[in-house]
Amino acid sequence: MKTSDLFKTKTVLSFEVFPPKPTADESTIYDTLSALKGLRPDAISVTYGAAGGKNCAKTLEIASAVKNRYGIESVAHLPCIGLSKAEVSEILRQLKQEGIENILALRGDLPQDMPSGGDFNHANELVSFIRENADFNIIAACCPEGHPESGSIIEDIQHLKRKVDAGASQLITQLFLDNDYFYKFQERAVLAGIHVPTEAGIMPVTNKKSIERMVQMCGVQLPKKFMKIIEKYEHDPEALRDAGIAYAVDQIVDLITQGVDGIHLYTMNKPYVAQKICESIKNLIKA
C-alpha cells in the first residue's frame, strides 16, 4: 500500500528505525521490530547510511523484513548524493521486487572535503527521476525551522515546493521541540501552494548527548521549558528519559488536537520509549 492513501481515513502513526552499526549484533534490529509491531504503526521507515557507508546494504534487507516478515507498510530512505541514475534504477528495481511501495527521497549529507559525484545534486531531482521511471509513493523531507543551508525560510519553502511539484505526495518533517514552528511552517506551505499530507517528526530526547548532537547537526531551537528539564534532570538519566518522553507526549497531544495529518516517531531503535508514548496517545489516534 502507498502510505499517502492512509491519510484519507485516519491520523497516521509511523516509526523510524535505522540499521545497526556494522560492529553491533544484527539481531537487535529484529528484536526492535518485533516490539514495535505490537504498537500497530501504520508504517515503519528505514534509514540509509551515509554515502559509501557499510550500513547502506542493510536498508533493503530491513525494509523488506518490515513489509514481508512483520506485515507493516515499509518506507525505504534513499539519499541521492553520490549515486548515478543507473544505481538508483537498480535500487528501485530491488525495492519493487520486495514489494516496497514507499520511498523517502532525500539529498543526503554532503561528503566532507571531496566532490559528491553522481547524477543528482538535490532531492527534487531524485523525486523527478523516480516519478518518471517507476511507480512509487514518494515522500519528501521538510524542516519546520528551515534547513540550515537555506538562505531564508522563504527560500526553504521554495525548495520544498519544487519537490512537491516534482512528484512528492507526502511530507515528513525533521524533528522540532516547539510546535509553534510546525504551525507556522504549515501556514507558509499552504500559502506556497503545498497541499500534501504532512507528518510531524517527533524525537523523544532521552539523554543530554543526543540533545547536543541534535543542535549541532540540525540547528534545532531548544525552548525554555525544555531547557529547564535538561537543567533539572541532566544528572539523573532515568528521570531525564521519563521527562523527555512526557515532553514528546505533550507535543503529540497538542498536534493531534490541532488536526495534524500524522505523527512520525523517531524511535532511535528504543522500543521502550515508543511503547510509553503509544500508551499515552492510543485513544487519540483515529482508527
Protein backbone atom coordinates (compact mmCIF):
# COMPACT_ATOMS: atom_id res chain seq x y z
CA MET A 1 0.00 0.00 0.00
CA LYS A 2 1.09 3.53 -0.71
CA THR A 3 1.14 5.31 2.64
CA SER A 4 -0.21 8.53 1.12
CA ASP A 5 -3.58 6.77 0.84
CA LEU A 6 -3.77 6.28 4.62
CA PHE A 7 -4.29 9.98 5.33
CA LYS A 8 -7.73 9.88 3.69
CA THR A 9 -9.21 7.97 6.62
CA LYS A 10 -7.08 8.48 9.75
CA THR A 11 -4.34 10.23 11.67
CA VAL A 12 -1.26 8.29 10.54
CA LEU A 13 1.32 6.95 13.01
CA SER A 14 4.69 5.85 11.66
CA PHE A 15 8.06 4.98 13.18
CA GLU A 16 11.66 5.34 12.02
CA VAL A 17 14.39 2.78 12.67
CA PHE A 18 17.99 2.56 11.49
CA PRO A 19 20.27 -0.36 10.61
CA PRO A 20 22.58 -1.46 13.42
CA LYS A 21 26.24 -0.47 13.25
CA PRO A 22 28.49 -2.97 11.44
CA THR A 23 30.06 -3.89 14.79
CA ALA A 24 26.69 -4.45 16.50
CA ASP A 25 24.63 -7.63 16.78
CA GLU A 26 22.38 -7.63 13.71
CA SER A 27 19.63 -9.46 15.57
CA THR A 28 18.94 -6.37 17.68
CA ILE A 29 17.07 -4.65 14.86
CA TYR A 30 14.69 -7.59 14.55
CA ASP A 31 14.09 -7.60 18.30
CA THR A 32 13.25 -3.91 17.91
CA LEU A 33 10.87 -4.56 15.01
CA SER A 34 9.12 -7.34 16.90
CA ALA A 35 8.49 -4.98 19.80
CA LEU A 36 7.36 -2.13 17.55
CA LYS A 37 4.94 -4.36 15.63
CA GLY A 38 2.89 -4.74 18.80
CA LEU A 39 2.29 -0.99 18.77
CA ARG A 40 0.49 -1.32 15.42
CA PRO A 41 2.11 1.52 13.46
CA ASP A 42 0.81 2.32 10.01
CA ALA A 43 4.34 2.26 8.59
CA ILE A 44 8.00 1.94 9.55
CA SER A 45 10.73 3.78 7.68
CA VAL A 46 14.30 2.51 7.47
CA THR A 47 17.19 4.94 7.21
CA TYR A 48 20.05 4.68 4.73
CA GLY A 49 23.69 5.02 5.81
CA ALA A 50 25.84 7.91 4.61
CA ALA A 51 27.11 7.60 1.03
CA GLY A 52 29.57 4.72 0.90
CA GLY A 53 28.69 3.58 4.40
CA LYS A 54 28.57 -0.12 5.20
CA ASN A 55 25.04 0.21 6.57
CA CYS A 56 23.60 1.05 3.14
CA ALA A 57 23.25 -2.59 2.10
CA LYS A 58 21.11 -3.30 5.16
CA THR A 59 18.38 -0.81 4.29
CA LEU A 60 16.75 -3.03 1.68
CA GLU A 61 17.04 -6.12 3.88
CA ILE A 62 15.39 -4.45 6.87
CA ALA A 63 12.77 -2.62 4.80
CA SER A 64 11.86 -5.94 3.18
CA ALA A 65 11.52 -7.59 6.59
CA VAL A 66 9.22 -4.77 7.79
CA LYS A 67 6.93 -5.41 4.83
CA ASN A 68 7.17 -9.15 4.30
CA ARG A 69 8.01 -10.60 7.72
CA TYR A 70 6.19 -8.21 10.04
CA GLY A 71 3.32 -7.20 7.74
CA ILE A 72 3.80 -3.43 8.19
CA GLU A 73 3.98 -0.92 5.36
CA SER A 74 7.62 -0.10 4.73
CA VAL A 75 9.31 3.14 3.71
CA ALA A 76 12.87 2.94 2.38
CA HIS A 77 15.06 6.02 2.74
CA LEU A 78 17.01 6.86 -0.41
CA PRO A 79 19.59 9.70 -0.38
CA CYS A 80 20.81 10.55 -3.87
CA ILE A 81 24.17 12.26 -3.32
CA GLY A 82 26.93 10.20 -4.91
CA LEU A 83 24.55 7.91 -6.80
CA SER A 84 24.27 7.56 -10.56
CA LYS A 85 20.95 7.17 -12.37
CA ALA A 86 21.89 3.56 -13.09
CA GLU A 87 22.47 2.89 -9.39
CA VAL A 88 19.16 4.46 -8.44
CA SER A 89 17.39 2.44 -11.13
CA GLU A 90 18.83 -0.75 -9.68
CA ILE A 91 17.73 0.21 -6.15
CA LEU A 92 14.23 0.93 -7.46
CA ARG A 93 14.17 -2.47 -9.14
CA GLN A 94 15.16 -4.20 -5.91
CA LEU A 95 12.59 -2.29 -3.87
CA LYS A 96 9.85 -3.17 -6.34
CA GLN A 97 10.93 -6.81 -6.26
CA GLU A 98 10.48 -6.84 -2.47
CA GLY A 99 7.03 -5.28 -2.71
CA ILE A 100 8.07 -1.97 -1.17
CA GLU A 101 5.94 0.89 -2.50
CA ASN A 102 7.16 3.89 -0.49
CA ILE A 103 10.40 5.85 -0.74
CA LEU A 104 11.64 8.79 1.34
CA ALA A 105 13.61 10.69 -1.31
CA LEU A 106 16.49 12.67 0.19
CA ARG A 107 19.53 14.58 -0.94
CA GLY A 108 21.65 13.15 1.86
CA ASP A 109 24.61 14.61 3.71
CA LEU A 110 27.30 16.17 1.53
CA PRO A 111 30.65 14.35 1.76
CA GLN A 112 33.30 16.39 3.53
CA ASP A 113 36.39 17.61 1.65
CA MET A 114 35.51 15.81 -1.57
CA PRO A 115 33.22 16.29 -4.57
CA SER A 116 29.93 14.42 -4.31
CA GLY A 117 29.93 12.89 -7.79
CA GLY A 118 26.82 11.12 -9.02
CA ASP A 119 23.97 12.37 -11.18
CA PHE A 120 21.90 14.16 -8.52
CA ASN A 121 22.52 17.39 -6.65
CA HIS A 122 19.16 17.96 -4.98
CA ALA A 123 16.27 15.86 -3.70
CA ASN A 124 13.81 17.29 -6.23
CA GLU A 125 15.96 15.79 -9.00
CA LEU A 126 15.65 12.37 -7.37
CA VAL A 127 11.89 12.82 -6.93
CA SER A 128 11.54 13.65 -10.64
CA PHE A 129 13.64 10.65 -11.66
CA ILE A 130 11.61 8.23 -9.54
CA ARG A 131 8.30 9.68 -10.74
CA GLU A 132 9.35 9.40 -14.39
CA ASN A 133 10.77 5.89 -14.17
CA ALA A 134 8.79 3.91 -11.59
CA ASP A 135 5.52 3.70 -9.68
CA PHE A 136 6.24 4.54 -6.03
CA ASN A 137 4.72 6.74 -3.38
CA ILE A 138 7.39 9.41 -2.97
CA ILE A 139 7.83 11.11 0.38
CA ALA A 140 9.95 14.22 0.88
CA ALA A 141 11.56 15.70 3.98
CA CYS A 142 10.92 19.20 5.27
CA CYS A 143 12.23 21.42 8.06
CA PRO A 144 9.77 23.46 10.15
CA GLU A 145 12.62 25.69 11.33
CA GLY A 146 14.20 25.90 7.88
CA HIS A 147 17.08 23.86 6.50
CA PRO A 148 20.44 25.00 7.93
CA GLU A 149 21.79 25.51 4.39
CA SER A 150 18.87 27.66 3.18
CA GLY A 151 19.36 31.38 2.99
CA SER A 152 15.93 32.06 4.48
CA ILE A 153 12.66 30.42 5.49
CA ILE A 154 11.08 31.60 2.24
CA GLU A 155 13.88 30.08 0.18
CA ASP A 156 13.47 26.82 2.06
CA ILE A 157 9.74 26.69 1.29
CA GLN A 158 10.51 27.36 -2.38
CA HIS A 159 12.85 24.35 -2.41
CA LEU A 160 10.14 22.23 -0.80
CA LYS A 161 7.60 23.35 -3.42
CA ARG A 162 9.98 22.09 -6.12
CA LYS A 163 9.99 18.65 -4.50
CA VAL A 164 6.21 18.55 -4.32
CA ASP A 165 5.83 19.80 -7.89
CA ALA A 166 8.30 17.12 -8.98
CA GLY A 167 6.05 14.41 -7.58
CA ALA A 168 6.30 14.10 -3.80
CA SER A 169 2.84 13.20 -2.46
CA GLN A 170 3.62 13.23 1.25
CA LEU A 171 5.97 15.05 3.67
CA ILE A 172 7.75 14.15 6.91
CA THR A 173 9.30 16.89 8.99
CA GLN A 174 12.63 16.98 10.69
CA LEU A 175 12.32 16.87 14.47
CA PHE A 176 11.32 20.01 16.33
CA LEU A 177 10.73 20.78 20.01
CA ASP A 178 8.43 23.80 19.71
CA ASN A 179 5.10 23.14 17.99
CA ASP A 180 4.75 26.79 17.03
CA TYR A 181 7.47 26.24 14.40
CA PHE A 182 5.36 23.46 12.89
CA TYR A 183 2.18 25.53 12.78
CA LYS A 184 3.97 28.48 11.18
CA PHE A 185 5.53 26.09 8.67
CA GLN A 186 2.08 24.76 7.78
CA GLU A 187 0.83 28.29 7.13
CA ARG A 188 3.80 29.09 4.86
CA ALA A 189 3.40 25.81 2.98
CA VAL A 190 -0.28 26.45 2.24
CA LEU A 191 0.50 29.97 1.05
CA ALA A 192 3.12 28.48 -1.28
CA GLY A 193 0.58 26.08 -2.75
CA ILE A 194 1.75 22.94 -0.94
CA HIS A 195 -1.25 20.79 -0.09
CA VAL A 196 0.08 17.27 0.52
CA PRO A 197 -0.25 15.43 3.88
CA THR A 198 2.49 16.25 6.38
CA GLU A 199 3.61 14.07 9.25
CA ALA A 200 5.16 15.83 12.23
CA GLY A 201 8.51 14.28 13.11
CA ILE A 202 8.88 13.83 16.86
CA MET A 203 12.07 12.65 18.56
CA PRO A 204 11.82 11.92 22.29
CA VAL A 205 15.01 13.39 23.74
CA THR A 206 16.12 11.00 26.46
CA ASN A 207 19.75 11.94 27.11
CA LYS A 208 21.90 15.06 27.06
CA LYS A 209 24.31 13.79 24.41
CA SER A 210 21.51 13.39 21.86
CA ILE A 211 20.40 16.97 22.54
CA GLU A 212 23.87 18.36 21.89
CA ARG A 213 24.19 16.34 18.68
CA MET A 214 20.74 17.49 17.55
CA VAL A 215 21.55 21.15 17.99
CA GLN A 216 24.89 20.78 16.19
CA MET A 217 23.56 18.82 13.20
CA CYS A 218 20.08 20.25 12.70
CA GLY A 219 20.10 23.68 14.29
CA VAL A 220 17.00 22.82 16.32
CA GLN A 221 15.92 25.54 18.75
CA LEU A 222 15.57 24.50 22.39
CA PRO A 223 12.57 26.11 24.13
CA LYS A 224 13.00 27.48 27.66
CA LYS A 225 10.59 24.86 29.00
CA PHE A 226 12.74 22.13 27.53
CA MET A 227 15.98 23.63 28.79
CA LYS A 228 14.60 23.67 32.32
CA ILE A 229 14.00 19.94 32.04
CA ILE A 230 17.61 19.40 31.00
CA GLU A 231 18.96 21.56 33.80
CA LYS A 232 16.87 19.77 36.41
CA TYR A 233 17.47 16.17 35.33
CA GLU A 234 20.76 16.08 33.40
CA HIS A 235 22.46 14.12 36.20
CA ASP A 236 19.59 11.63 36.59
CA PRO A 237 19.40 9.54 33.38
CA GLU A 238 16.15 7.75 34.22
CA ALA A 239 14.39 10.95 35.26
CA LEU A 240 15.62 12.71 32.09
CA ARG A 241 14.37 9.81 29.96
CA ASP A 242 10.94 9.93 31.56
CA ALA A 243 10.80 13.73 31.29
CA GLY A 244 11.79 13.51 27.62
CA ILE A 245 9.01 11.02 26.98
CA ALA A 246 6.49 13.23 28.78
CA TYR A 247 7.60 16.26 26.75
CA ALA A 248 7.15 14.32 23.49
CA VAL A 249 3.69 13.16 24.59
CA ASP A 250 2.68 16.77 25.31
CA GLN A 251 3.84 17.77 21.82
CA ILE A 252 1.91 14.93 20.19
CA VAL A 253 -1.30 15.58 22.13
CA ASP A 254 -1.22 19.24 21.06
CA LEU A 255 -0.50 18.32 17.42
CA ILE A 256 -3.32 15.77 17.25
CA THR A 257 -5.72 18.21 18.91
CA GLN A 258 -4.83 20.75 16.20
CA GLY A 259 -5.60 18.21 13.45
CA VAL A 260 -2.12 17.11 12.36
CA ASP A 261 -2.11 14.69 9.41
CA GLY A 262 0.18 12.25 11.16
CA ILE A 263 2.96 11.62 13.65
CA HIS A 264 6.32 10.20 12.63
CA LEU A 265 8.18 8.97 15.71
CA TYR A 266 11.97 8.84 15.56
CA THR A 267 12.34 5.75 17.78
CA MET A 268 16.16 5.68 17.84
CA ASN A 269 15.66 1.89 17.95
CA LYS A 270 14.35 2.17 21.52
CA PRO A 271 11.07 0.21 21.78
CA TYR A 272 10.58 1.16 25.44
CA VAL A 273 10.33 4.84 24.57
CA ALA A 274 7.93 4.18 21.69
CA GLN A 275 5.80 1.93 23.89
CA LYS A 276 5.44 4.56 26.62
CA ILE A 277 4.45 7.22 24.10
CA CYS A 278 1.95 4.99 22.32
CA GLU A 279 0.34 4.00 25.63
CA SER A 280 -0.31 7.68 26.29
CA ILE A 281 -1.80 8.53 22.89
CA LYS A 282 -3.55 5.30 21.90
CA ASN A 283 -7.03 6.79 22.37
CA LEU A 284 -6.17 9.93 20.39
CA ILE A 285 -5.14 8.35 17.08
CA LYS A 286 -8.18 7.91 14.85
CA ALA A 287 -8.67 4.34 13.69
